[in-house]
């Protein structure tokens, strides 16, 4: 084997290895990113429910302060 052939095989092998590692890293990072997006969506859904509940409490308190609460609403709170 000539030294040029050996050098060419070494370069080709390193290039293949580099592409393989890059593809593997891309796949793993993408999977991790998708997982993080799903976790973020779940946290945002939970936060949305919490905020809706707090907005409901604020609206009820505002209605009571303005004297608009019905007797049934006042009976529920006691």
Protein backbone atom coordinates (compact mmCIF):
# COMPACT_ATOMS: atom_id res chain seq x y z
CA UNK A 1 0.00 0.00 0.00
CA UNK A 2 1.24 3.43 -0.81
CA UNK A 3 1.34 6.20 1.73
CA UNK A 4 -1.20 8.20 -0.27
CA UNK A 5 -3.69 5.35 -0.12
CA UNK A 6 -3.14 4.99 3.61
CA UNK A 7 -3.57 8.72 4.13
CA UNK A 8 -6.76 8.73 2.05
CA UNK A 9 -8.21 5.83 4.06
CA UNK A 10 -7.32 7.59 7.33
CA UNK A 11 -8.98 10.82 6.20
CA UNK A 12 -12.04 8.93 4.97
CA UNK A 13 -12.26 7.00 8.24
CA UNK A 14 -11.98 10.15 10.34
CA UNK A 15 -14.57 11.93 8.20
CA UNK A 16 -16.97 9.02 8.58
CA UNK A 17 -16.38 8.97 12.32
CA UNK A 18 -16.93 12.72 12.53
CA UNK A 19 -20.22 12.50 10.61
CA UNK A 20 -21.37 9.60 12.77
CA UNK A 21 -20.63 11.44 15.99
CA UNK A 22 -22.31 14.58 14.66
CA UNK A 23 -25.43 12.61 13.70
CA UNK A 24 -25.53 10.87 17.07
CA UNK A 25 -25.16 14.17 18.94
CA UNK A 26 -27.87 15.76 16.80
CA UNK A 27 -30.27 12.89 17.50
CA UNK A 28 -29.65 13.01 21.26
CA UNK A 29 -29.92 16.79 21.47
CA UNK A 30 -33.14 16.74 19.47
CA UNK A 31 -34.63 14.08 21.74
CA UNK A 32 -33.62 16.10 24.79
CA UNK A 33 -35.11 19.26 23.28
CA UNK A 34 -38.43 17.52 22.52
CA UNK A 35 -38.53 16.21 26.10
CA UNK A 36 -37.91 19.72 27.45
CA UNK A 37 -40.67 21.14 25.24
CA UNK A 38 -43.15 18.57 26.57
CA UNK A 39 -42.14 19.32 30.16
CA UNK A 40 -42.49 23.05 29.51
CA UNK A 41 -45.95 22.57 28.01
CA UNK A 42 -47.04 20.57 31.06
CA UNK A 43 -45.76 23.29 33.40
CA UNK A 44 -47.56 25.98 31.39
CA UNK A 45 -50.82 24.00 31.50
CA UNK A 46 -50.52 23.72 35.27
CA UNK A 47 -49.74 27.41 35.56
CA UNK A 48 -52.72 28.28 33.36
CA UNK A 49 -55.04 26.32 35.66
CA UNK A 50 -53.59 28.03 38.71
CA UNK A 51 -53.98 31.47 37.17
CA UNK A 52 -57.57 30.74 36.11
CA UNK A 53 -58.36 29.70 39.68
CA UNK A 54 -56.83 32.85 41.11
CA UNK A 55 -58.66 35.01 38.59
CA UNK A 56 -61.88 33.33 39.69
CA UNK A 57 -61.13 34.15 43.33
CA UNK A 58 -60.37 37.76 42.43
CA UNK A 59 -63.60 38.09 40.43
CA UNK A 60 -65.64 36.64 43.29
CA UNK A 61 -64.02 39.00 45.79
CA UNK A 62 -64.62 41.95 43.49
CA UNK A 63 -68.28 40.98 43.11
CA UNK A 64 -68.62 40.79 46.90
CA UNK A 65 -66.95 44.17 47.32
CA UNK A 66 -69.24 45.73 44.74
CA UNK A 67 -72.26 44.11 46.40
CA UNK A 68 -73.15 42.06 43.35
CA UNK A 69 -72.85 38.65 44.93
CA UNK A 70 -76.10 36.76 45.20
CA UNK A 71 -77.26 35.21 48.42
CA UNK A 72 -76.45 31.78 47.01
CA UNK A 73 -72.86 32.86 46.42
CA UNK A 74 -72.59 34.19 49.95
CA UNK A 75 -74.06 30.96 51.32
CA UNK A 76 -71.44 28.88 49.50
CA UNK A 77 -68.59 30.78 51.09
CA UNK A 78 -69.68 30.23 54.68
